[in-house]
């Protein structure tokens, strides 16, 4: 008979070490002991006031096939209406989407959100738990993705201004273009390093929001004689952090059409690359390519830090639908809107046999299980804390 007494004793001896709670919780999950796991969360609640957060952390670290099986079982058996059942449903919905079972995934995510509303005072105290209440609004069923209004431009969104450097390179640039978007603050911090890192590998195009006339002049002067171009926008009331995170996808179709070539969309905070020519070569075999991380949450699984869009009918169709879908969700926007939208489009194309109307979409996800890991190709610059500070600065301005 399996005994967890040593784990319980370790926790009793040192209850302030979160790892002890996590280790015991994962052991209970592995064994499928839902009632005992619920009791552990209650002990945590009594001692530290964060029992639901403990369950969230346990399930978030559950990555094995057996763990995923147990999560589905506990979602089915947990007493409905409890906050722990909400968390089980949430993770079961995430894993269903990860298993490419969108119908089950949407049903469970919606059930978690609807029942979770009565616990909103608890869930909203933690940024991660608050996702339970909103992600079902951002990741939508295929039939809703199918109905998105693809007409463009949207009159209430910022307009794009082409820099002189772009006009000089129009029709003269061999793809793929290495593209990034950012606001003025991010460009001051990361722009030069991005240009120095990526310039050996192709033409660079950077779209900058809220650049002053003086900044535009400096950037355009610096671009002279280089494989470098700029475009600009005044983001106005949209000028907050989560808008800047999706701005590249709102502008990608226009930039791809302007230069009439492929786009490799990257994060601006990139300080080193490895084997990039090989990655670009592999990406050119498809209409759309990006990394899937295998993370349990779908908006972390579909990774937006590298997205390759071919200047093909399939690549253009994907870019236009992604732009329209993101635009339709800006009012509900939060962090990870870009990756939530990519997840929604993937499920839409999965249902439709990877077609957009009559246009075939060849979408290649680079997966860890196939030996493709984003971190083997790219090294971000800056710290997470520094980037959050920049984002909050813009939110407050």
Protein backbone atom coordinates (compact mmCIF):
# COMPACT_ATOMS: atom_id res chain seq x y z
CA UNK A 1 0.00 0.00 0.00
CA UNK A 2 1.27 3.44 -0.93
CA UNK A 3 2.06 5.68 2.04
CA UNK A 4 2.42 9.44 1.77
CA UNK A 5 3.26 9.79 5.48
CA UNK A 6 6.82 11.07 4.76
CA UNK A 7 5.42 13.84 2.54
CA UNK A 8 2.82 14.79 5.15
CA UNK A 9 5.52 14.86 7.84
CA UNK A 10 7.80 17.04 5.71
CA UNK A 11 4.93 19.46 5.17
CA UNK A 12 4.10 19.48 8.87
CA UNK A 13 7.73 20.21 9.74
CA UNK A 14 8.06 23.02 7.21
CA UNK A 15 4.67 24.38 6.10
CA UNK A 16 6.18 27.65 4.84
CA UNK A 17 7.99 25.93 1.98
CA UNK A 18 5.56 26.00 -0.97
CA UNK A 19 7.43 23.16 -2.65
CA UNK A 20 6.32 20.79 0.13
CA UNK A 21 2.67 21.61 -0.62
CA UNK A 22 3.22 21.21 -4.34
CA UNK A 23 5.04 17.89 -4.02
CA UNK A 24 2.33 16.37 -1.81
CA UNK A 25 -0.43 17.75 -4.03
CA UNK A 26 1.09 16.23 -7.16
CA UNK A 27 1.42 12.89 -5.38
CA UNK A 28 -2.28 12.97 -4.45
CA UNK A 29 -3.19 13.92 -8.02
CA UNK A 30 -1.09 11.07 -9.40
CA UNK A 31 -2.98 8.62 -7.20
CA UNK A 32 -6.34 10.12 -8.15
CA UNK A 33 -7.21 10.90 -4.53
CA UNK A 34 -9.50 13.88 -5.11
CA UNK A 35 -11.00 14.03 -1.61
CA UNK A 36 -7.58 14.01 0.02
CA UNK A 37 -6.41 16.70 -2.41
CA UNK A 38 -9.43 18.79 -1.47
CA UNK A 39 -8.58 18.28 2.21
CA UNK A 40 -5.02 19.46 1.56
CA UNK A 41 -6.38 22.63 -0.06
CA UNK A 42 -8.62 23.20 2.94
CA UNK A 43 -5.65 22.91 5.31
CA UNK A 44 -3.80 25.44 3.16
CA UNK A 45 -6.83 27.72 3.23
CA UNK A 46 -7.04 27.52 7.01
CA UNK A 47 -3.34 28.24 7.47
CA UNK A 48 -2.57 30.73 4.72
CA UNK A 49 -5.89 31.71 3.13
CA UNK A 50 -4.99 30.57 -0.42
CA UNK A 51 -6.35 27.04 -0.85
CA UNK A 52 -7.68 27.65 -4.41
CA UNK A 53 -4.32 29.07 -5.47
CA UNK A 54 -2.62 25.92 -4.20
CA UNK A 55 -4.86 23.72 -6.37
CA UNK A 56 -4.22 26.00 -9.36
CA UNK A 57 -0.45 25.68 -8.84
CA UNK A 58 -0.66 21.90 -8.50
CA UNK A 59 -2.67 21.48 -11.70
CA UNK A 60 -0.47 23.97 -13.51
CA UNK A 61 2.55 21.77 -12.77
CA UNK A 62 0.75 18.58 -13.83
CA UNK A 63 2.23 17.68 -17.21
CA UNK A 64 2.35 13.89 -17.54
CA UNK A 65 -0.30 11.92 -19.47
CA UNK A 66 -1.41 10.35 -16.16
CA UNK A 67 -1.81 13.77 -14.57
CA UNK A 68 -3.94 14.92 -17.49
CA UNK A 69 -6.08 11.79 -17.17
CA UNK A 70 -6.58 12.51 -13.46
CA UNK A 71 -7.59 16.11 -14.17
CA UNK A 72 -10.35 14.94 -16.53
CA UNK A 73 -11.51 12.39 -13.95
CA UNK A 74 -11.64 14.98 -11.17
CA UNK A 75 -13.45 17.46 -13.40
CA UNK A 76 -16.11 14.79 -13.95
CA UNK A 77 -16.39 13.76 -10.29
CA UNK A 78 -15.89 16.96 -8.29
CA UNK A 79 -19.06 18.35 -6.64
CA UNK A 80 -20.30 21.03 -9.02
CA UNK A 81 -20.68 24.54 -7.66
CA UNK A 82 -17.50 24.50 -5.58
CA UNK A 83 -14.49 26.65 -6.31
CA UNK A 84 -12.27 23.57 -6.57
CA UNK A 85 -14.60 22.14 -9.23
CA UNK A 86 -14.24 25.42 -11.13
CA UNK A 87 -10.47 25.03 -11.17
CA UNK A 88 -10.67 21.38 -12.23
CA UNK A 89 -13.02 22.34 -15.09
CA UNK A 90 -10.70 25.14 -16.15
CA UNK A 91 -7.67 22.90 -16.45
CA UNK A 92 -9.66 20.08 -18.02
CA UNK A 93 -10.85 22.58 -20.64
CA UNK A 94 -7.27 23.70 -21.26
CA UNK A 95 -6.09 20.13 -21.74
CA UNK A 96 -9.00 19.35 -24.06
CA UNK A 97 -7.92 22.24 -26.28
CA UNK A 98 -4.34 21.03 -26.07
CA UNK A 99 -5.60 17.63 -27.26
CA UNK A 100 -7.26 19.38 -30.24
CA UNK A 101 -10.75 18.68 -28.85
CA UNK A 102 -12.20 22.21 -29.04
CA UNK A 103 -15.84 21.26 -28.44
CA UNK A 104 -15.06 19.72 -25.05
CA UNK A 105 -12.56 22.44 -24.25
CA UNK A 106 -14.98 25.32 -24.87
CA UNK A 107 -17.72 23.60 -22.89
CA UNK A 108 -15.52 23.13 -19.84
CA UNK A 109 -13.98 26.62 -20.00
CA UNK A 110 -17.43 28.16 -20.22
CA UNK A 111 -18.72 26.07 -17.30
CA UNK A 112 -15.72 27.12 -15.22
CA UNK A 113 -16.32 30.80 -16.02
CA UNK A 114 -20.08 30.73 -15.39
CA UNK A 115 -19.84 28.98 -12.03
CA UNK A 116 -16.68 30.90 -11.21
CA UNK A 117 -18.56 34.20 -11.21
CA UNK A 118 -19.88 33.57 -7.72
CA UNK A 119 -16.27 33.27 -6.57
CA UNK A 120 -15.06 36.35 -8.47
CA UNK A 121 -13.98 38.08 -5.26
CA UNK A 122 -11.51 35.22 -4.70
CA UNK A 123 -10.46 34.59 -8.29
CA UNK A 124 -9.73 38.23 -9.09
CA UNK A 125 -7.22 38.46 -6.24
CA UNK A 126 -4.76 36.43 -8.35
CA UNK A 127 -3.92 37.38 -11.96
CA UNK A 128 -3.72 33.75 -13.03
CA UNK A 129 -6.96 32.69 -11.38
CA UNK A 130 -8.73 35.68 -12.90
CA UNK A 131 -8.10 34.13 -16.33
CA UNK A 132 -10.76 31.57 -15.42
CA UNK A 133 -13.36 34.32 -15.76
CA UNK A 134 -12.23 35.81 -19.08
CA UNK A 135 -10.42 33.33 -21.31
CA UNK A 136 -13.61 31.77 -22.63
CA UNK A 137 -14.45 35.23 -24.02
CA UNK A 138 -11.17 35.41 -25.96
CA UNK A 139 -10.85 31.81 -27.13
CA UNK A 140 -14.03 31.22 -29.10
CA UNK A 141 -15.61 28.29 -30.96
CA UNK A 142 -14.89 27.79 -34.68
CA UNK A 143 -18.38 28.91 -35.71
CA UNK A 144 -17.76 32.34 -34.18
CA UNK A 145 -14.35 32.65 -35.84
CA UNK A 146 -16.07 31.83 -39.14
CA UNK A 147 -18.43 34.82 -38.74
CA UNK A 148 -15.74 37.44 -38.12
CA UNK A 149 -16.08 40.56 -40.29
CA UNK A 150 -12.93 40.56 -42.43
CA UNK A 151 -13.47 44.02 -43.95
CA UNK A 152 -10.65 46.51 -43.40
CA UNK A 153 -9.71 49.16 -42.41
CA UNK A 154 -11.65 49.58 -39.18
CA UNK A 155 -12.35 53.28 -38.87
CA UNK A 156 -11.91 53.33 -35.09
CA UNK A 157 -8.40 51.83 -35.16
CA UNK A 158 -5.17 53.81 -35.71
CA UNK A 159 -4.07 54.36 -39.29
CA UNK A 160 -0.66 53.33 -40.62
CA UNK A 161 1.87 55.92 -41.82
CA UNK A 162 4.68 54.78 -44.12
CA UNK A 163 8.12 56.17 -43.41
CA UNK A 164 10.40 57.43 -46.16
CA UNK A 165 12.55 54.34 -45.65
CA UNK A 166 9.59 52.10 -46.44
CA UNK A 167 8.75 54.00 -49.61
CA UNK A 168 12.36 53.68 -50.76
CA UNK A 169 12.32 49.88 -50.28
CA UNK A 170 8.86 49.15 -51.65
CA UNK A 171 9.07 46.57 -54.41
CA UNK A 172 12.83 46.20 -53.98
CA UNK A 173 13.04 43.90 -50.96
CA UNK A 174 13.60 40.18 -51.03
CA UNK A 175 11.79 38.33 -48.30
CA UNK A 176 11.34 37.36 -45.73
CA UNK A 177 11.13 40.69 -43.96
CA UNK A 178 12.02 40.45 -40.28
CA UNK A 179 9.29 42.52 -38.64
CA UNK A 180 8.69 43.82 -35.14
CA UNK A 181 6.28 46.33 -33.59
CA UNK A 182 6.64 48.42 -30.45
CA UNK A 183 5.86 51.76 -28.89
CA UNK A 184 8.38 54.58 -28.57
CA UNK A 185 9.49 53.49 -25.07
CA UNK A 186 10.21 49.92 -26.15
CA UNK A 187 12.14 51.10 -29.21
CA UNK A 188 14.35 53.32 -27.06
CA UNK A 189 15.16 50.30 -24.88
CA UNK A 190 15.28 47.38 -27.34
CA UNK A 191 15.26 48.71 -30.91
CA UNK A 192 18.98 49.15 -31.57
CA UNK A 193 19.86 45.75 -30.12
CA UNK A 194 17.15 44.12 -32.25
CA UNK A 195 18.52 45.76 -35.41
CA UNK A 196 22.11 44.78 -34.64
CA UNK A 197 21.09 41.19 -33.88
CA UNK A 198 18.83 40.60 -36.90
CA UNK A 199 20.47 42.73 -39.61
CA UNK A 200 22.76 39.92 -40.88
CA UNK A 201 19.70 37.82 -41.73
CA UNK A 202 17.56 40.07 -43.93
CA UNK A 203 15.62 43.27 -44.28
CA UNK A 204 14.21 44.60 -41.00
CA UNK A 205 10.96 46.50 -40.72
CA UNK A 206 9.86 48.06 -37.43
CA UNK A 207 6.43 49.58 -36.83
CA UNK A 208 6.56 52.18 -34.04
CA UNK A 209 3.64 53.70 -32.15
CA UNK A 210 3.67 57.24 -30.77
CA UNK A 211 7.04 58.31 -32.12
CA UNK A 212 7.53 62.07 -31.94
CA UNK A 213 8.45 63.95 -35.14
CA UNK A 214 12.00 64.23 -33.82
CA UNK A 215 12.18 60.48 -33.14
CA UNK A 216 10.87 59.69 -36.61
CA UNK A 217 13.55 61.87 -38.16
CA UNK A 218 16.28 60.15 -36.15
CA UNK A 219 15.01 56.67 -37.08
CA UNK A 220 14.66 57.51 -40.76
CA UNK A 221 18.15 59.03 -40.86
CA UNK A 222 19.58 55.93 -39.20
CA UNK A 223 17.82 53.68 -41.75
CA UNK A 224 19.42 55.38 -44.76
CA UNK A 225 21.54 52.95 -46.78
CA UNK A 226 20.54 49.94 -44.65
CA UNK A 227 18.18 47.03 -45.08
CA UNK A 228 15.91 48.79 -42.60
CA UNK A 229 12.55 50.52 -42.84
CA UNK A 230 9.92 52.03 -40.58
CA UNK A 231 6.21 52.69 -40.37
CA UNK A 232 4.36 54.58 -37.67
CA UNK A 233 1.04 55.17 -35.97
CA UNK A 234 -0.47 57.34 -33.29
CA UNK A 235 -2.22 54.79 -31.08
CA UNK A 236 -4.28 57.41 -29.24
CA UNK A 237 -6.74 55.90 -26.78
CA UNK A 238 -5.52 52.40 -27.70
CA UNK A 239 -2.08 53.21 -26.29
CA UNK A 240 -1.99 50.68 -23.47
CA UNK A 241 0.12 47.61 -22.93
CA UNK A 242 -2.07 44.85 -24.30
CA UNK A 243 -2.72 46.83 -27.50
CA UNK A 244 1.01 47.13 -28.21
CA UNK A 245 1.29 43.35 -27.78
CA UNK A 246 -1.17 42.71 -30.65
CA UNK A 247 -0.30 45.72 -32.82
CA UNK A 248 2.02 43.65 -35.05
CA UNK A 249 -0.83 41.36 -36.08
CA UNK A 250 -3.17 44.28 -36.73
CA UNK A 251 -0.60 45.73 -39.15
CA UNK A 252 0.94 42.55 -40.61
CA UNK A 253 -1.41 42.18 -43.62
CA UNK A 254 -0.85 45.78 -44.68
CA UNK A 255 2.93 45.49 -44.32
CA UNK A 256 3.00 42.19 -46.20
CA UNK A 257 0.94 43.69 -49.01
CA UNK A 258 3.08 46.86 -49.14
CA UNK A 259 6.37 44.97 -49.54
CA UNK A 260 4.80 42.03 -51.39
CA UNK A 261 6.88 39.41 -49.61
CA UNK A 262 6.91 37.02 -46.64
CA UNK A 263 6.97 38.26 -43.05
CA UNK A 264 8.75 36.75 -40.06
CA UNK A 265 7.15 38.49 -37.09
CA UNK A 266 9.35 38.68 -34.00
CA UNK A 267 9.38 40.25 -30.55
CA UNK A 268 11.40 43.46 -30.41
CA UNK A 269 13.20 42.32 -27.23
CA UNK A 270 15.57 39.91 -28.94
CA UNK A 271 19.28 40.02 -28.14
CA UNK A 272 20.57 36.81 -29.75
CA UNK A 273 19.55 34.26 -32.37
CA UNK A 274 20.86 30.83 -33.28
CA UNK A 275 20.19 28.77 -36.42
CA UNK A 276 17.80 31.44 -37.74
CA UNK A 277 18.48 30.73 -41.45
CA UNK A 278 17.53 27.10 -40.87
CA UNK A 279 14.32 28.12 -39.08
CA UNK A 280 13.39 30.56 -41.85
CA UNK A 281 14.07 27.90 -44.47
CA UNK A 282 11.77 25.43 -42.71
CA UNK A 283 9.11 28.11 -42.30
CA UNK A 284 9.11 28.90 -46.01
CA UNK A 285 7.68 25.45 -46.69
CA UNK A 286 4.32 26.48 -45.14
CA UNK A 287 1.80 29.30 -45.28
CA UNK A 288 1.98 29.84 -41.51
CA UNK A 289 4.54 28.65 -38.96
CA UNK A 290 4.98 29.25 -35.25
CA UNK A 291 6.01 27.41 -32.10
CA UNK A 292 3.67 25.38 -29.91
CA UNK A 293 5.10 25.01 -26.43
CA UNK A 294 2.92 22.21 -25.05
CA UNK A 295 2.03 24.37 -22.03
CA UNK A 296 -1.32 23.33 -20.51
CA UNK A 297 -2.89 26.75 -21.05
CA UNK A 298 -3.73 27.19 -24.75
CA UNK A 299 -2.80 30.88 -24.78
CA UNK A 300 0.72 29.82 -23.74
CA UNK A 301 0.82 26.83 -26.09
CA UNK A 302 0.41 28.94 -29.25
CA UNK A 303 3.54 31.10 -29.05
CA UNK A 304 3.42 34.49 -30.77
CA UNK A 305 7.06 35.51 -30.32
CA UNK A 306 7.86 34.06 -33.78
CA UNK A 307 5.16 33.84 -36.44
CA UNK A 308 6.03 33.30 -40.10
CA UNK A 309 3.47 34.43 -42.68
CA UNK A 310 4.03 33.46 -46.30
CA UNK A 311 3.03 35.92 -49.01
CA UNK A 312 0.76 33.22 -50.42
CA UNK A 313 -3.03 32.94 -50.59
CA UNK A 314 -2.97 30.80 -47.45
CA UNK A 315 -0.64 33.10 -45.55
CA UNK A 316 -2.65 36.17 -46.50
CA UNK A 317 -5.96 34.54 -45.53
CA UNK A 318 -4.57 33.59 -42.11
CA UNK A 319 -3.11 37.06 -41.53
CA UNK A 320 -6.37 38.78 -42.45
CA UNK A 321 -8.53 36.54 -40.26
CA UNK A 322 -6.15 36.87 -37.30
CA UNK A 323 -6.18 40.64 -37.66
CA UNK A 324 -9.97 40.77 -37.81
CA UNK A 325 -10.39 38.39 -34.87
CA UNK A 326 -8.01 40.40 -32.65
CA UNK A 327 -9.75 43.65 -33.62
CA UNK A 328 -13.10 42.16 -32.62
CA UNK A 329 -11.75 41.33 -29.14
CA UNK A 330 -9.90 44.54 -28.30
CA UNK A 331 -12.70 45.75 -26.03
CA UNK A 332 -12.25 42.61 -23.89
CA UNK A 333 -8.51 42.59 -24.33
CA UNK A 334 -5.97 41.42 -21.80
CA UNK A 335 -2.46 40.03 -21.95
CA UNK A 336 -2.13 37.06 -24.27
CA UNK A 337 -4.90 38.26 -26.61
CA UNK A 338 -2.59 37.52 -29.56
CA UNK A 339 -1.95 33.92 -28.47
CA UNK A 340 -5.58 33.36 -27.44
CA UNK A 341 -6.56 34.49 -30.94
CA UNK A 342 -4.04 32.15 -32.55
CA UNK A 343 -5.53 29.29 -30.54
CA UNK A 344 -9.02 30.20 -31.76
CA UNK A 345 -7.87 30.29 -35.38
CA UNK A 346 -6.12 26.96 -35.04
CA UNK A 347 -9.31 25.29 -33.81
CA UNK A 348 -11.25 26.97 -36.62
CA UNK A 349 -8.88 25.62 -39.27
CA UNK A 350 -8.76 22.23 -37.58
CA UNK A 351 -12.54 21.93 -37.90
CA UNK A 352 -12.50 23.17 -41.50
CA UNK A 353 -9.77 20.84 -42.74
CA UNK A 354 -7.28 23.73 -42.73
CA UNK A 355 -9.17 25.74 -45.27
CA UNK A 356 -10.36 29.35 -45.19
CA UNK A 357 -13.26 29.24 -47.60
CA UNK A 358 -11.73 27.69 -50.70
CA UNK A 359 -8.19 28.66 -49.70
CA UNK A 360 -5.99 25.94 -48.26
CA UNK A 361 -3.91 26.84 -45.21
CA UNK A 362 -0.69 24.90 -44.65
CA UNK A 363 -0.02 25.58 -40.97
CA UNK A 364 3.10 24.09 -39.42
CA UNK A 365 3.44 24.16 -35.63
CA UNK A 366 7.00 23.68 -34.44
CA UNK A 367 6.67 21.43 -31.36
CA UNK A 368 9.05 20.46 -28.59
CA UNK A 369 8.10 16.84 -29.15
CA UNK A 370 9.56 17.15 -32.67
CA UNK A 371 12.77 18.70 -31.37
CA UNK A 372 11.78 22.33 -31.98
CA UNK A 373 12.11 24.61 -28.98
CA UNK A 374 11.76 28.39 -29.28
CA UNK A 375 14.56 28.92 -26.77
CA UNK A 376 16.99 27.03 -28.98
CA UNK A 377 16.64 29.80 -31.57
CA UNK A 378 16.00 33.05 -29.67
CA UNK A 379 17.29 34.74 -26.53
CA UNK A 380 15.15 37.63 -25.23
CA UNK A 381 16.77 40.73 -23.76
CA UNK A 382 15.74 42.51 -20.60
CA UNK A 383 14.11 41.06 -17.50
CA UNK A 384 10.41 40.26 -17.04
CA UNK A 385 10.30 42.81 -14.22
CA UNK A 386 11.72 45.53 -16.44
CA UNK A 387 9.18 44.82 -19.19
CA UNK A 388 6.25 44.87 -16.76
CA UNK A 389 7.46 48.23 -15.49
CA UNK A 390 7.47 49.63 -19.04
CA UNK A 391 3.95 48.29 -19.65
CA UNK A 392 2.55 49.79 -16.48
CA UNK A 393 4.21 53.11 -17.23
CA UNK A 394 2.30 53.28 -20.50
CA UNK A 395 -0.92 52.18 -18.84
CA UNK A 396 -0.66 55.06 -16.42
CA UNK A 397 0.17 57.73 -18.96
